[in-house]
C-alpha atoms as a PDB file:
ATOM      1  CA  UNK A   1     -28.176  -6.614 -49.821  1.00  0.00           C
ATOM      2  CA  UNK A   2     -24.702  -6.561 -51.318  1.00  0.00           C
ATOM      3  CA  UNK A   3     -21.806  -4.973 -49.517  1.00  0.00           C
ATOM      4  CA  UNK A   4     -18.755  -3.267 -50.927  1.00  0.00           C
ATOM      5  CA  UNK A   5     -15.511  -5.106 -50.246  1.00  0.00           C
ATOM      6  CA  UNK A   6     -11.978  -3.850 -50.632  1.00  0.00           C
ATOM      7  CA  UNK A   7     -10.472  -5.234 -53.849  1.00  0.00           C
ATOM      8  CA  UNK A   8      -7.119  -3.457 -54.215  1.00  0.00           C
ATOM      9  CA  UNK A   9      -5.183  -0.238 -53.728  1.00  0.00           C
ATOM     10  CA  UNK A  10      -3.732   0.764 -57.083  1.00  0.00           C
ATOM     11  CA  UNK A  11      -1.793   3.607 -58.642  1.00  0.00           C
ATOM     12  CA  UNK A  12      -3.701   5.852 -61.022  1.00  0.00           C
ATOM     13  CA  UNK A  13      -3.800   4.281 -64.508  1.00  0.00           C
ATOM     14  CA  UNK A  14      -2.553   0.914 -63.199  1.00  0.00           C
ATOM     15  CA  UNK A  15      -4.434  -1.824 -65.024  1.00  0.00           C
ATOM     16  CA  UNK A  16      -7.360  -3.082 -62.975  1.00  0.00           C
ATOM     17  CA  UNK A  17     -10.147  -5.185 -64.467  1.00  0.00           C
ATOM     18  CA  UNK A  18     -13.615  -5.845 -63.112  1.00  0.00           C
ATOM     19  CA  UNK A  19     -15.573  -8.482 -65.000  1.00  0.00           C
ATOM     20  CA  UNK A  20     -13.033  -8.250 -67.799  1.00  0.00           C
ATOM     21  CA  UNK A  21     -13.186  -4.452 -68.184  1.00  0.00           C
ATOM     22  CA  UNK A  22     -10.103  -2.362 -67.411  1.00  0.00           C
ATOM     23  CA  UNK A  23     -11.628   0.522 -65.459  1.00  0.00           C
ATOM     24  CA  UNK A  24      -9.184   3.055 -66.928  1.00  0.00           C
ATOM     25  CA  UNK A  25     -10.349   2.360 -70.484  1.00  0.00           C
ATOM     26  CA  UNK A  26     -13.846   3.711 -69.823  1.00  0.00           C
ATOM     27  CA  UNK A  27     -15.524   6.932 -68.763  1.00  0.00           C
ATOM     28  CA  UNK A  28     -16.469   6.709 -65.090  1.00  0.00           C
ATOM     29  CA  UNK A  29     -20.095   7.758 -64.678  1.00  0.00           C
ATOM     30  CA  UNK A  30     -20.718   8.927 -61.124  1.00  0.00           C
ATOM     31  CA  UNK A  31     -23.953   7.499 -59.731  1.00  0.00           C
ATOM     32  CA  UNK A  32     -24.140  10.341 -57.169  1.00  0.00           C
ATOM     33  CA  UNK A  33     -23.924   7.839 -54.319  1.00  0.00           C
ATOM     34  CA  UNK A  34     -21.370   8.129 -51.552  1.00  0.00           C
ATOM     35  CA  UNK A  35     -20.520   4.848 -49.907  1.00  0.00           C
ATOM     36  CA  UNK A  36     -18.931   4.331 -46.509  1.00  0.00           C
ATOM     37  CA  UNK A  37     -16.005   1.927 -46.818  1.00  0.00           C
ATOM     38  CA  UNK A  38     -13.242   0.855 -44.505  1.00  0.00           C
ATOM     39  CA  UNK A  39      -9.605   1.345 -45.453  1.00  0.00           C
ATOM     40  CA  UNK A  40      -7.537  -1.834 -45.714  1.00  0.00           C
ATOM     41  CA  UNK A  41      -4.617  -0.684 -43.585  1.00  0.00           C
ATOM     42  CA  UNK A  42      -5.685   1.102 -40.420  1.00  0.00           C
ATOM     43  CA  UNK A  43      -9.420   0.504 -40.747  1.00  0.00           C
ATOM     44  CA  UNK A  44     -10.062   4.203 -41.304  1.00  0.00           C
ATOM     45  CA  UNK A  45     -13.535   5.085 -42.613  1.00  0.00           C
ATOM     46  CA  UNK A  46     -13.745   6.742 -46.026  1.00  0.00           C
ATOM     47  CA  UNK A  47     -16.677   8.063 -48.028  1.00  0.00           C
ATOM     48  CA  UNK A  48     -15.980   7.215 -51.649  1.00  0.00           C
ATOM     49  CA  UNK A  49     -18.209   7.609 -54.690  1.00  0.00           C
ATOM     50  CA  UNK A  50     -19.873   4.832 -56.641  1.00  0.00           C
ATOM     51  CA  UNK A  51     -19.100   4.728 -60.361  1.00  0.00           C
ATOM     52  CA  UNK A  52     -20.404   2.841 -63.364  1.00  0.00           C
ATOM     53  CA  UNK A  53     -18.549   1.955 -66.548  1.00  0.00           C
ATOM     54  CA  UNK A  54     -20.293   0.678 -69.680  1.00  0.00           C
ATOM     55  CA  UNK A  55     -19.224  -1.404 -72.643  1.00  0.00           C
ATOM     56  CA  UNK A  56     -22.166  -1.974 -74.981  1.00  0.00           C
ATOM     57  CA  UNK A  57     -24.912  -3.651 -72.949  1.00  0.00           C
ATOM     58  CA  UNK A  58     -22.523  -4.533 -70.117  1.00  0.00           C
ATOM     59  CA  UNK A  59     -22.283  -2.217 -67.125  1.00  0.00           C
ATOM     60  CA  UNK A  60     -20.116  -2.580 -64.040  1.00  0.00           C
ATOM     61  CA  UNK A  61     -20.414  -0.613 -60.804  1.00  0.00           C
ATOM     62  CA  UNK A  62     -17.630  -0.086 -58.311  1.00  0.00           C
ATOM     63  CA  UNK A  63     -16.598   2.309 -55.563  1.00  0.00           C
ATOM     64  CA  UNK A  64     -13.347   4.232 -55.806  1.00  0.00           C
ATOM     65  CA  UNK A  65     -11.509   7.000 -54.045  1.00  0.00           C
ATOM     66  CA  UNK A  66      -8.042   8.258 -53.262  1.00  0.00           C
ATOM     67  CA  UNK A  67      -6.308   7.395 -50.003  1.00  0.00           C
ATOM     68  CA  UNK A  68      -4.056   9.971 -48.388  1.00  0.00           C
ATOM     69  CA  UNK A  69      -0.981   8.121 -49.640  1.00  0.00           C
ATOM     70  CA  UNK A  70      -1.903   8.711 -53.303  1.00  0.00           C
ATOM     71  CA  UNK A  71      -3.258   5.231 -53.915  1.00  0.00           C
ATOM     72  CA  UNK A  72      -6.719   4.684 -55.356  1.00  0.00           C
ATOM     73  CA  UNK A  73      -8.864   2.284 -53.361  1.00  0.00           C
ATOM     74  CA  UNK A  74     -11.188   0.070 -55.378  1.00  0.00           C
ATOM     75  CA  UNK A  75     -14.182  -1.681 -53.817  1.00  0.00           C
ATOM     76  CA  UNK A  76     -16.474  -4.203 -55.500  1.00  0.00           C
ATOM     77  CA  UNK A  77     -19.754  -5.884 -54.576  1.00  0.00           C
ATOM     78  CA  UNK A  78     -19.442  -8.971 -52.442  1.00  0.00           C
ATOM     79  CA  UNK A  79     -21.059 -11.147 -55.126  1.00  0.00           C
ATOM     80  CA  UNK A  80     -17.982 -10.777 -57.339  1.00  0.00           C
ATOM     81  CA  UNK A  81     -15.621 -13.684 -56.881  1.00  0.00           C
ATOM     82  CA  UNK A  82     -11.870 -13.288 -57.207  1.00  0.00           C
ATOM     83  CA  UNK A  83     -12.085 -14.749 -60.729  1.00  0.00           C
ATOM     84  CA  UNK A  84     -14.490 -12.025 -61.863  1.00  0.00           C
ATOM     85  CA  UNK A  85     -12.400  -9.102 -60.704  1.00  0.00           C
END
């Protein structure tokens, strides 16, 4: 089973690519799954939603949600290497 790992805390609309796709350039389809993730700073538990973006036949899933400080936390599957994010 794959786990969701913290990738980065970004500002809204800040360029962030997963497998070559900038997440802000696509419609985020909610998969209706809430995922428990751990915040990168204090280890606080969050329940963020899983999303999917599509470009032709390619689809990418990720977990995202807003931290209290206005940053968006992005989480990716553990099979994604740093070069694929």
